[in-house]
Amino acid sequence: MKYLLLVCVDEDVERNADPTPWIEEMEGRGVRLTGNRLRPVRDSTTVRRRDGELLIADGPFAETKEQIGGFDILECADLDEAIEVASKHPAAEFGTIELRPFWTE
């Protein structure tokens, strides 16, 4: 089953966690398919369409301290394995990890 792992962090929090060991372990296990860090929220663009009008704004749509700072796509046997993988992510120590299953066809 495929899961999207979202790394949600407060950009103001200093973090020195190196994700390399986690990446190497999860790729070695064959559960991490791809992933990457994202540019800061100040570089984001929000796109919406309302009543036929295109609305474009700089920055994130959500007004929260934690923003999506990165993502990984996982292939896990089940939710239990996805939770175990997410719990080992270094950002789980200072941020929030959100798991979302992909729709299956």
PDB file of N, CA and C in Angstrom:
ATOM      1  N   MET A   1       0.850  -1.173   0.000  1.00  0.00           N
ATOM      2  CA  MET A   1       0.000   0.000   0.000  1.00  0.00           C
ATOM      3  C   MET A   1       0.892   1.230   0.000  1.00  0.00           C
ATOM      4  N   LYS A   2       0.553   2.221  -0.829  1.00  0.00           N
ATOM      5  CA  LYS A   2       1.352   3.436  -0.902  1.00  0.00           C
ATOM      6  C   LYS A   2       0.818   4.488   0.062  1.00  0.00           C
ATOM      7  N   TYR A   3       1.771   5.181   0.701  1.00  0.00           N
ATOM      8  CA  TYR A   3       1.449   6.262   1.628  1.00  0.00           C
ATOM      9  C   TYR A   3       2.262   7.494   1.279  1.00  0.00           C
ATOM     10  N   LEU A   4       1.643   8.645   1.451  1.00  0.00           N
ATOM     11  CA  LEU A   4       2.349   9.915   1.383  1.00  0.00           C
ATOM     12  C   LEU A   4       2.717  10.284   2.808  1.00  0.00           C
ATOM     13  N   LEU A   5       3.991  10.484   3.058  1.00  0.00           N
ATOM     14  CA  LEU A   5       4.470  10.899   4.366  1.00  0.00           C
ATOM     15  C   LEU A   5       4.776  12.390   4.251  1.00  0.00           C
ATOM     16  N   LEU A   6       4.043  13.211   4.987  1.00  0.00           N
ATOM     17  CA  LEU A   6       4.265  14.654   4.991  1.00  0.00           C
ATOM     18  C   LEU A   6       5.038  15.036   6.234  1.00  0.00           C
ATOM     19  N   VAL A   7       6.100  15.787   6.049  1.00  0.00           N
ATOM     20  CA  VAL A   7       6.905  16.274   7.160  1.00  0.00           C
ATOM     21  C   VAL A   7       6.464  17.709   7.427  1.00  0.00           C
ATOM     22  N   CYS A   8       5.794  17.932   8.554  1.00  0.00           N
ATOM     23  CA  CYS A   8       5.268  19.248   8.909  1.00  0.00           C
ATOM     24  C   CYS A   8       6.110  19.818  10.041  1.00  0.00           C
ATOM     25  N   VAL A   9       6.684  20.986   9.805  1.00  0.00           N
ATOM     26  CA  VAL A   9       7.588  21.580  10.792  1.00  0.00           C
ATOM     27  C   VAL A   9       7.337  23.075  10.904  1.00  0.00           C
ATOM     28  N   ASP A  10       7.714  23.619  12.046  1.00  0.00           N
ATOM     29  CA  ASP A  10       7.717  25.064  12.262  1.00  0.00           C
ATOM     30  C   ASP A  10       9.041  25.565  11.701  1.00  0.00           C
ATOM     31  N   GLU A  11       8.981  26.409  10.700  1.00  0.00           N
ATOM     32  CA  GLU A  11      10.215  26.879  10.050  1.00  0.00           C
ATOM     33  C   GLU A  11      11.099  27.690  10.982  1.00  0.00           C
ATOM     34  N   ASP A  12      10.529  28.193  12.074  1.00  0.00           N
ATOM     35  CA  ASP A  12      11.314  28.987  13.017  1.00  0.00           C
ATOM     36  C   ASP A  12      12.104  28.134  14.007  1.00  0.00           C
ATOM     37  N   VAL A  13      11.809  26.840  14.067  1.00  0.00           N
ATOM     38  CA  VAL A  13      12.489  25.956  15.000  1.00  0.00           C
ATOM     39  C   VAL A  13      13.801  25.491  14.384  1.00  0.00           C
ATOM     40  N   GLU A  14      14.873  25.678  15.132  1.00  0.00           N
ATOM     41  CA  GLU A  14      16.183  25.216  14.661  1.00  0.00           C
ATOM     42  C   GLU A  14      16.250  23.707  14.793  1.00  0.00           C
ATOM     43  N   ARG A  15      16.669  23.061  13.735  1.00  0.00           N
ATOM     44  CA  ARG A  15      16.789  21.609  13.760  1.00  0.00           C
ATOM     45  C   ARG A  15      18.075  21.204  13.040  1.00  0.00           C
ATOM     46  N   ASN A  16      18.750  20.277  13.642  1.00  0.00           N
ATOM     47  CA  ASN A  16      20.000  19.806  13.079  1.00  0.00           C
ATOM     48  C   ASN A  16      19.933  18.330  12.735  1.00  0.00           C
ATOM     49  N   ALA A  17      18.735  17.789  12.675  1.00  0.00           N
ATOM     50  CA  ALA A  17      18.573  16.365  12.405  1.00  0.00           C
ATOM     51  C   ALA A  17      18.941  16.072  10.952  1.00  0.00           C
ATOM     52  N   ASP A  18      19.803  15.104  10.763  1.00  0.00           N
ATOM     53  CA  ASP A  18      20.210  14.677   9.433  1.00  0.00           C
ATOM     54  C   ASP A  18      19.342  13.491   9.026  1.00  0.00           C
ATOM     55  N   PRO A  19      18.534  13.635   7.970  1.00  0.00           N
ATOM     56  CA  PRO A  19      17.660  12.528   7.575  1.00  0.00           C
ATOM     57  C   PRO A  19      18.377  11.419   6.800  1.00  0.00           C
ATOM     58  N   THR A  20      19.655  11.606   6.494  1.00  0.00           N
ATOM     59  CA  THR A  20      20.374  10.634   5.661  1.00  0.00           C
ATOM     60  C   THR A  20      20.312   9.209   6.195  1.00  0.00           C
ATOM     61  N   PRO A  21      20.572   8.969   7.503  1.00  0.00           N
ATOM     62  CA  PRO A  21      20.477   7.581   7.983  1.00  0.00           C
ATOM     63  C   PRO A  21      19.076   6.982   7.813  1.00  0.00           C
ATOM     64  N   TRP A  22      18.038   7.785   8.054  1.00  0.00           N
ATOM     65  CA  TRP A  22      16.662   7.319   7.873  1.00  0.00           C
ATOM     66  C   TRP A  22      16.415   6.986   6.404  1.00  0.00           C
ATOM     67  N   ILE A  23      16.838   7.877   5.511  1.00  0.00           N
ATOM     68  CA  ILE A  23      16.654   7.653   4.072  1.00  0.00           C
ATOM     69  C   ILE A  23      17.355   6.365   3.648  1.00  0.00           C
ATOM     70  N   GLU A  24      18.604   6.196   4.066  1.00  0.00           N
ATOM     71  CA  GLU A  24      19.358   4.999   3.691  1.00  0.00           C
ATOM     72  C   GLU A  24      18.697   3.723   4.209  1.00  0.00           C
ATOM     73  N   GLU A  25      18.200   3.759   5.471  1.00  0.00           N
ATOM     74  CA  GLU A  25      17.536   2.585   6.033  1.00  0.00           C
ATOM     75  C   GLU A  25      16.266   2.255   5.270  1.00  0.00           C
ATOM     76  N   MET A  26      15.431   3.273   5.010  1.00  0.00           N
ATOM     77  CA  MET A  26      14.134   3.022   4.379  1.00  0.00           C
ATOM     78  C   MET A  26      14.288   2.655   2.908  1.00  0.00           C
ATOM     79  N   GLU A  27      15.261   3.222   2.223  1.00  0.00           N
ATOM     80  CA  GLU A  27      15.512   2.807   0.842  1.00  0.00           C
ATOM     81  C   GLU A  27      16.077   1.385   0.819  1.00  0.00           C
ATOM     82  N   GLY A  28      16.929   1.049   1.792  1.00  0.00           N
ATOM     83  CA  GLY A  28      17.464  -0.302   1.898  1.00  0.00           C
ATOM     84  C   GLY A  28      16.379  -1.336   2.147  1.00  0.00           C
ATOM     85  N   ARG A  29      15.357  -0.937   2.907  1.00  0.00           N
ATOM     86  CA  ARG A  29      14.224  -1.836   3.175  1.00  0.00           C
ATOM     87  C   ARG A  29      13.249  -1.885   2.005  1.00  0.00           C
ATOM     88  N   GLY A  30      13.400  -0.946   1.074  1.00  0.00           N
ATOM     89  CA  GLY A  30      12.519  -0.899  -0.086  1.00  0.00           C
ATOM     90  C   GLY A  30      11.187  -0.233   0.172  1.00  0.00           C
ATOM     91  N   VAL A  31      11.044   0.516   1.294  1.00  0.00           N
ATOM     92  CA  VAL A  31       9.760   1.166   1.585  1.00  0.00           C
ATOM     93  C   VAL A  31       9.721   2.624   1.135  1.00  0.00           C
ATOM     94  N   ARG A  32      10.876   3.275   0.998  1.00  0.00           N
ATOM     95  CA  ARG A  32      10.894   4.673   0.539  1.00  0.00           C
ATOM     96  C   ARG A  32      11.111   4.675  -0.962  1.00  0.00           C
ATOM     97  N   LEU A  33      10.101   5.173  -1.702  1.00  0.00           N
ATOM     98  CA  LEU A  33      10.192   5.199  -3.153  1.00  0.00           C
ATOM     99  C   LEU A  33      10.836   6.480  -3.655  1.00  0.00           C
ATOM    100  N   THR A  34      10.485   7.610  -3.036  1.00  0.00           N
ATOM    101  CA  THR A  34      11.059   8.903  -3.395  1.00  0.00           C
ATOM    102  C   THR A  34      10.716   9.899  -2.307  1.00  0.00           C
ATOM    103  N   GLY A  35      11.302  11.062  -2.373  1.00  0.00           N
ATOM    104  CA  GLY A  35      11.006  12.112  -1.407  1.00  0.00           C
ATOM    105  C   GLY A  35      11.963  13.269  -1.582  1.00  0.00           C
ATOM    106  N   ASN A  36      11.654  14.378  -0.923  1.00  0.00           N
ATOM    107  CA  ASN A  36      12.516  15.539  -1.010  1.00  0.00           C
ATOM    108  C   ASN A  36      12.085  16.584  -0.001  1.00  0.00           C
ATOM    109  N   ARG A  37      13.026  17.465   0.331  1.00  0.00           N
ATOM    110  CA  ARG A  37      12.701  18.650   1.124  1.00  0.00           C
ATOM    111  C   ARG A  37      12.000  19.644   0.204  1.00  0.00           C
ATOM    112  N   LEU A  38      11.245  20.537   0.808  1.00  0.00           N
ATOM    113  CA  LEU A  38      10.581  21.588   0.043  1.00  0.00           C
ATOM    114  C   LEU A  38      11.186  22.935   0.390  1.00  0.00           C
ATOM    115  N   ARG A  39      11.113  23.870  -0.537  1.00  0.00           N
ATOM    116  CA  ARG A  39      11.576  25.224  -0.293  1.00  0.00           C
ATOM    117  C   ARG A  39      10.711  25.842   0.806  1.00  0.00           C
ATOM    118  N   PRO A  40      11.180  26.915   1.451  1.00  0.00           N
ATOM    119  CA  PRO A  40      10.404  27.558   2.526  1.00  0.00           C
ATOM    120  C   PRO A  40       9.039  28.052   2.034  1.00  0.00           C
ATOM    121  N   VAL A  41       8.110  28.224   2.974  1.00  0.00           N
ATOM    122  CA  VAL A  41       6.754  28.653   2.609  1.00  0.00           C
ATOM    123  C   VAL A  41       6.752  30.016   1.936  1.00  0.00           C
ATOM    124  N   ARG A  42       7.743  30.831   2.192  1.00  0.00           N
ATOM    125  CA  ARG A  42       7.784  32.152   1.534  1.00  0.00           C
ATOM    126  C   ARG A  42       7.931  32.012   0.014  1.00  0.00           C
ATOM    127  N   ASP A  43       8.368  30.836  -0.443  1.00  0.00           N
ATOM    128  CA  ASP A  43       8.521  30.582  -1.874  1.00  0.00           C
ATOM    129  C   ASP A  43       7.302  29.893  -2.479  1.00  0.00           C
ATOM    130  N   SER A  44       6.270  29.659  -1.679  1.00  0.00           N
ATOM    131  CA  SER A  44       5.099  28.938  -2.187  1.00  0.00           C
ATOM    132  C   SER A  44       4.103  29.881  -2.845  1.00  0.00           C
ATOM    133  N   THR A  45       3.271  29.299  -3.676  1.00  0.00           N
ATOM    134  CA  THR A  45       2.195  30.017  -4.352  1.00  0.00           C
ATOM    135  C   THR A  45       0.921  29.213  -4.164  1.00  0.00           C
ATOM    136  N   THR A  46      -0.154  29.884  -3.795  1.00  0.00           N
ATOM    137  CA  THR A  46      -1.453  29.250  -3.622  1.00  0.00           C
ATOM    138  C   THR A  46      -2.322  29.589  -4.825  1.00  0.00           C
ATOM    139  N   VAL A  47      -2.941  28.576  -5.412  1.00  0.00           N
ATOM    140  CA  VAL A  47      -3.791  28.755  -6.591  1.00  0.00           C
ATOM    141  C   VAL A  47      -5.189  28.245  -6.249  1.00  0.00           C
ATOM    142  N   ARG A  48      -6.182  29.091  -6.470  1.00  0.00           N
ATOM    143  CA  ARG A  48      -7.583  28.724  -6.250  1.00  0.00           C
ATOM    144  C   ARG A  48      -8.421  29.274  -7.386  1.00  0.00           C
ATOM    145  N   ARG A  49      -9.559  28.658  -7.614  1.00  0.00           N
ATOM    146  CA  ARG A  49     -10.531  29.186  -8.567  1.00  0.00           C
ATOM    147  C   ARG A  49     -11.850  29.298  -7.818  1.00  0.00           C
ATOM    148  N   ARG A  50     -12.415  30.504  -7.808  1.00  0.00           N
ATOM    149  CA  ARG A  50     -13.680  30.755  -7.130  1.00  0.00           C
ATOM    150  C   ARG A  50     -14.599  31.507  -8.084  1.00  0.00           C
ATOM    151  N   ASP A  51     -15.774  30.924  -8.340  1.00  0.00           N
ATOM    152  CA  ASP A  51     -16.762  31.530  -9.235  1.00  0.00           C
ATOM    153  C   ASP A  51     -16.133  31.934 -10.564  1.00  0.00           C
ATOM    154  N   GLY A  52     -15.275  31.060 -11.104  1.00  0.00           N
ATOM    155  CA  GLY A  52     -14.655  31.315 -12.400  1.00  0.00           C
ATOM    156  C   GLY A  52     -13.468  32.262 -12.365  1.00  0.00           C
ATOM    157  N   GLU A  53     -13.151  32.806 -11.182  1.00  0.00           N
ATOM    158  CA  GLU A  53     -12.028  33.742 -11.061  1.00  0.00           C
ATOM    159  C   GLU A  53     -10.815  33.008 -10.506  1.00  0.00           C
ATOM    160  N   LEU A  54      -9.677  33.220 -11.153  1.00  0.00           N
ATOM    161  CA  LEU A  54      -8.424  32.627 -10.710  1.00  0.00           C
ATOM    162  C   LEU A  54      -7.811  33.512  -9.641  1.00  0.00           C
ATOM    163  N   LEU A  55      -7.546  32.938  -8.472  1.00  0.00           N
ATOM    164  CA  LEU A  55      -6.954  33.666  -7.354  1.00  0.00           C
ATOM    165  C   LEU A  55      -5.580  33.080  -7.070  1.00  0.00           C
ATOM    166  N   ILE A  56      -4.555  33.896  -7.188  1.00  0.00           N
ATOM    167  CA  ILE A  56      -3.180  33.474  -6.954  1.00  0.00           C
ATOM    168  C   ILE A  56      -2.619  34.320  -5.833  1.00  0.00           C
ATOM    169  N   ALA A  57      -2.010  33.669  -4.859  1.00  0.00           N
ATOM    170  CA  ALA A  57      -1.447  34.392  -3.717  1.00  0.00           C
ATOM    171  C   ALA A  57      -0.082  33.812  -3.377  1.00  0.00           C
ATOM    172  N   ASP A  58       0.785  34.662  -2.872  1.00  0.00           N
ATOM    173  CA  ASP A  58       2.073  34.203  -2.377  1.00  0.00           C
ATOM    174  C   ASP A  58       1.874  33.590  -1.005  1.00  0.00           C
ATOM    175  N   GLY A  59       2.631  32.540  -0.732  1.00  0.00           N
ATOM    176  CA  GLY A  59       2.588  31.927   0.584  1.00  0.00           C
ATOM    177  C   GLY A  59       1.584  30.808   0.678  1.00  0.00           C
ATOM    178  N   PRO A  60       1.562  30.147   1.824  1.00  0.00           N
ATOM    179  CA  PRO A  60       0.679  28.990   2.018  1.00  0.00           C
ATOM    180  C   PRO A  60      -0.754  29.424   2.281  1.00  0.00           C
ATOM    181  N   PHE A  61      -1.669  28.506   2.035  1.00  0.00           N
ATOM    182  CA  PHE A  61      -3.079  28.758   2.309  1.00  0.00           C
ATOM    183  C   PHE A  61      -3.354  28.669   3.802  1.00  0.00           C
ATOM    184  N   ALA A  62      -2.764  27.687   4.473  1.00  0.00           N
ATOM    185  CA  ALA A  62      -3.026  27.472   5.898  1.00  0.00           C
ATOM    186  C   ALA A  62      -2.285  28.497   6.746  1.00  0.00           C
ATOM    187  N   GLU A  63      -2.955  29.026   7.734  1.00  0.00           N
ATOM    188  CA  GLU A  63      -2.353  29.982   8.673  1.00  0.00           C
ATOM    189  C   GLU A  63      -1.966  29.228   9.941  1.00  0.00           C
ATOM    190  N   THR A  64      -0.924  28.438   9.857  1.00  0.00           N
ATOM    191  CA  THR A  64      -0.463  27.665  11.002  1.00  0.00           C
ATOM    192  C   THR A  64       1.034  27.830  11.153  1.00  0.00           C
ATOM    193  N   LYS A  65       1.554  27.483  12.321  1.00  0.00           N
ATOM    194  CA  LYS A  65       2.998  27.546  12.545  1.00  0.00           C
ATOM    195  C   LYS A  65       3.706  26.439  11.778  1.00  0.00           C
ATOM    196  N   GLU A  66       3.117  25.236  11.802  1.00  0.00           N
ATOM    197  CA  GLU A  66       3.748  24.131  11.096  1.00  0.00           C
ATOM    198  C   GLU A  66       3.311  24.125   9.636  1.00  0.00           C
ATOM    199  N   GLN A  67       4.282  23.985   8.763  1.00  0.00           N
ATOM    200  CA  GLN A  67       4.032  23.919   7.326  1.00  0.00           C
ATOM    201  C   GLN A  67       4.684  22.656   6.778  1.00  0.00           C
ATOM    202  N   ILE A  68       4.278  22.250   5.594  1.00  0.00           N
ATOM    203  CA  ILE A  68       4.881  21.076   4.970  1.00  0.00           C
ATOM    204  C   ILE A  68       6.293  21.429   4.543  1.00  0.00           C
ATOM    205  N   GLY A  69       7.252  20.716   5.107  1.00  0.00           N
ATOM    206  CA  GLY A  69       8.652  20.983   4.809  1.00  0.00           C
ATOM    207  C   GLY A  69       9.276  19.936   3.907  1.00  0.00           C
ATOM    208  N   GLY A  70       8.586  18.834   3.706  1.00  0.00           N
ATOM    209  CA  GLY A  70       9.100  17.774   2.858  1.00  0.00           C
ATOM    210  C   GLY A  70       8.097  16.653   2.743  1.00  0.00           C
ATOM    211  N   PHE A  71       8.423  15.691   1.886  1.00  0.00           N
ATOM    212  CA  PHE A  71       7.525  14.568   1.674  1.00  0.00           C
ATOM    213  C   PHE A  71       8.329  13.333   1.299  1.00  0.00           C
ATOM    214  N   ASP A  72       7.708  12.193   1.504  1.00  0.00           N
ATOM    215  CA  ASP A  72       8.241  10.924   1.046  1.00  0.00           C
ATOM    216  C   ASP A  72       7.071  10.081   0.582  1.00  0.00           C
ATOM    217  N   ILE A  73       7.290   9.261  -0.412  1.00  0.00           N
ATOM    218  CA  ILE A  73       6.290   8.295  -0.839  1.00  0.00           C
ATOM    219  C   ILE A  73       6.789   6.929  -0.410  1.00  0.00           C
ATOM    220  N   LEU A  74       5.945   6.254   0.344  1.00  0.00           N
ATOM    221  CA  LEU A  74       6.299   4.961   0.918  1.00  0.00           C
ATOM    222  C   LEU A  74       5.475   3.850   0.289  1.00  0.00           C
ATOM    223  N   GLU A  75       6.049   2.674   0.217  1.00  0.00           N
ATOM    224  CA  GLU A  75       5.335   1.458  -0.163  1.00  0.00           C
ATOM    225  C   GLU A  75       5.461   0.509   1.026  1.00  0.00           C
ATOM    226  N   CYS A  76       4.377   0.400   1.792  1.00  0.00           N
ATOM    227  CA  CYS A  76       4.396  -0.398   3.024  1.00  0.00           C
ATOM    228  C   CYS A  76       3.360  -1.510   2.942  1.00  0.00           C
ATOM    229  N   ALA A  77       3.569  -2.535   3.731  1.00  0.00           N
ATOM    230  CA  ALA A  77       2.633  -3.657   3.761  1.00  0.00           C
ATOM    231  C   ALA A  77       1.269  -3.221   4.293  1.00  0.00           C
ATOM    232  N   ASP A  78       1.288  -2.317   5.291  1.00  0.00           N
ATOM    233  CA  ASP A  78       0.047  -1.886   5.917  1.00  0.00           C
ATOM    234  C   ASP A  78       0.319  -0.627   6.740  1.00  0.00           C
ATOM    235  N   LEU A  79      -0.724  -0.110   7.380  1.00  0.00           N
ATOM    236  CA  LEU A  79      -0.596   1.104   8.182  1.00  0.00           C
ATOM    237  C   LEU A  79       0.381   0.923   9.330  1.00  0.00           C
ATOM    238  N   ASP A  80       0.409  -0.251   9.930  1.00  0.00           N
ATOM    239  CA  ASP A  80       1.333  -0.490  11.035  1.00  0.00           C
ATOM    240  C   ASP A  80       2.783  -0.283  10.598  1.00  0.00           C
ATOM    241  N   GLU A  81       3.137  -0.792   9.426  1.00  0.00           N
ATOM    242  CA  GLU A  81       4.506  -0.589   8.939  1.00  0.00           C
ATOM    243  C   GLU A  81       4.745   0.882   8.618  1.00  0.00           C
ATOM    244  N   ALA A  82       3.770   1.561   8.029  1.00  0.00           N
ATOM    245  CA  ALA A  82       3.919   2.986   7.716  1.00  0.00           C
ATOM    246  C   ALA A  82       4.129   3.799   8.995  1.00  0.00           C
ATOM    247  N   ILE A  83       3.418   3.470  10.056  1.00  0.00           N
ATOM    248  CA  ILE A  83       3.589   4.160  11.341  1.00  0.00           C
ATOM    249  C   ILE A  83       4.981   3.899  11.899  1.00  0.00           C
ATOM    250  N   GLU A  84       5.445   2.678  11.803  1.00  0.00           N
ATOM    251  CA  GLU A  84       6.785   2.341  12.292  1.00  0.00           C
ATOM    252  C   GLU A  84       7.850   3.124  11.520  1.00  0.00           C
ATOM    253  N   VAL A  85       7.688   3.211  10.205  1.00  0.00           N
ATOM    254  CA  VAL A  85       8.629   3.968   9.368  1.00  0.00           C
ATOM    255  C   VAL A  85       8.583   5.448   9.745  1.00  0.00           C
ATOM    256  N   ALA A  86       7.382   6.009   9.881  1.00  0.00           N
ATOM    257  CA  ALA A  86       7.229   7.427  10.213  1.00  0.00           C
ATOM    258  C   ALA A  86       7.804   7.741  11.590  1.00  0.00           C
ATOM    259  N   SER A  87       7.655   6.819  12.523  1.00  0.00           N
ATOM    260  CA  SER A  87       8.139   7.063  13.886  1.00  0.00           C
ATOM    261  C   SER A  87       9.658   7.173  13.945  1.00  0.00           C
ATOM    262  N   LYS A  88      10.342   6.614  12.968  1.00  0.00           N
ATOM    263  CA  LYS A  88      11.798   6.677  12.921  1.00  0.00           C
ATOM    264  C   LYS A  88      12.325   7.920  12.199  1.00  0.00           C
ATOM    265  N   HIS A  89      11.442   8.663  11.532  1.00  0.00           N
ATOM    266  CA  HIS A  89      11.880   9.868  10.808  1.00  0.00           C
ATOM    267  C   HIS A  89      12.400  10.880  11.822  1.00  0.00           C
ATOM    268  N   PRO A  90      13.566  11.488  11.567  1.00  0.00           N
ATOM    269  CA  PRO A  90      14.122  12.429  12.553  1.00  0.00           C
ATOM    270  C   PRO A  90      13.220  13.627  12.834  1.00  0.00           C
ATOM    271  N   ALA A  91      12.403  14.044  11.887  1.00  0.00           N
ATOM    272  CA  ALA A  91      11.517  15.192  12.110  1.00  0.00           C
ATOM    273  C   ALA A  91      10.410  14.879  13.102  1.00  0.00           C
ATOM    274  N   ALA A  92      10.158  13.611  13.392  1.00  0.00           N
ATOM    275  CA  ALA A  92       9.148  13.258  14.389  1.00  0.00           C
ATOM    276  C   ALA A  92       9.533  13.770  15.768  1.00  0.00           C
ATOM    277  N   GLU A  93      10.815  14.089  15.969  1.00  0.00           N
ATOM    278  CA  GLU A  93      11.304  14.610  17.252  1.00  0.00           C
ATOM    279  C   GLU A  93      10.935  16.078  17.477  1.00  0.00           C
ATOM    280  N   PHE A  94      10.745  16.845  16.392  1.00  0.00           N
ATOM    281  CA  PHE A  94      10.497  18.289  16.555  1.00  0.00           C
ATOM    282  C   PHE A  94       9.326  18.798  15.725  1.00  0.00           C
ATOM    283  N   GLY A  95       8.754  17.955  14.904  1.00  0.00           N
ATOM    284  CA  GLY A  95       7.635  18.356  14.052  1.00  0.00           C
ATOM    285  C   GLY A  95       6.533  17.314  14.111  1.00  0.00           C
ATOM    286  N   THR A  96       5.747  17.263  13.064  1.00  0.00           N
ATOM    287  CA  THR A  96       4.650  16.308  12.960  1.00  0.00           C
ATOM    288  C   THR A  96       4.791  15.553  11.649  1.00  0.00           C
ATOM    289  N   ILE A  97       4.588  14.268  11.696  1.00  0.00           N
ATOM    290  CA  ILE A  97       4.589  13.445  10.500  1.00  0.00           C
ATOM    291  C   ILE A  97       3.147  13.036  10.231  1.00  0.00           C
ATOM    292  N   GLU A  98       2.670  13.320   9.036  1.00  0.00           N
ATOM    293  CA  GLU A  98       1.319  12.929   8.652  1.00  0.00           C
ATOM    294  C   GLU A  98       1.421  11.856   7.582  1.00  0.00           C
ATOM    295  N   LEU A  99       0.651  10.787   7.748  1.00  0.00           N
ATOM    296  CA  LEU A  99       0.587   9.715   6.766  1.00  0.00           C
ATOM    297  C   LEU A  99      -0.753   9.753   6.069  1.00  0.00           C
ATOM    298  N   ARG A 100      -0.727   9.663   4.745  1.00  0.00           N
ATOM    299  CA  ARG A 100      -1.980   9.602   3.979  1.00  0.00           C
ATOM    300  C   ARG A 100      -1.880   8.479   2.968  1.00  0.00           C
ATOM    301  N   PRO A 101      -2.815   7.534   3.021  1.00  0.00           N
ATOM    302  CA  PRO A 101      -2.806   6.468   2.017  1.00  0.00           C
ATOM    303  C   PRO A 101      -3.270   7.014   0.674  1.00  0.00           C
ATOM    304  N   PHE A 102      -2.709   6.448  -0.384  1.00  0.00           N
ATOM    305  CA  PHE A 102      -3.175   6.777  -1.724  1.00  0.00           C
ATOM    306  C   PHE A 102      -4.485   6.029  -1.979  1.00  0.00           C
ATOM    307  N   TRP A 103      -5.339   6.608  -2.810  1.00  0.00           N
ATOM    308  CA  TRP A 103      -6.532   5.879  -3.255  1.00  0.00           C
ATOM    309  C   TRP A 103      -6.060   4.710  -4.086  1.00  0.00           C
ATOM    310  N   THR A 104      -6.674   3.571  -3.910  1.00  0.00           N
ATOM    311  CA  THR A 104      -6.326   2.427  -4.742  1.00  0.00           C
ATOM    312  C   THR A 104      -7.358   2.316  -5.845  1.00  0.00           C
ATOM    313  N   GLU A 105      -6.918   1.877  -6.986  1.00  0.00           N
ATOM    314  CA  GLU A 105      -7.800   1.784  -8.159  1.00  0.00           C
ATOM    315  C   GLU A 105      -8.665   0.564  -8.068  1.00  0.00           C
TER     316      GLU A 105
END
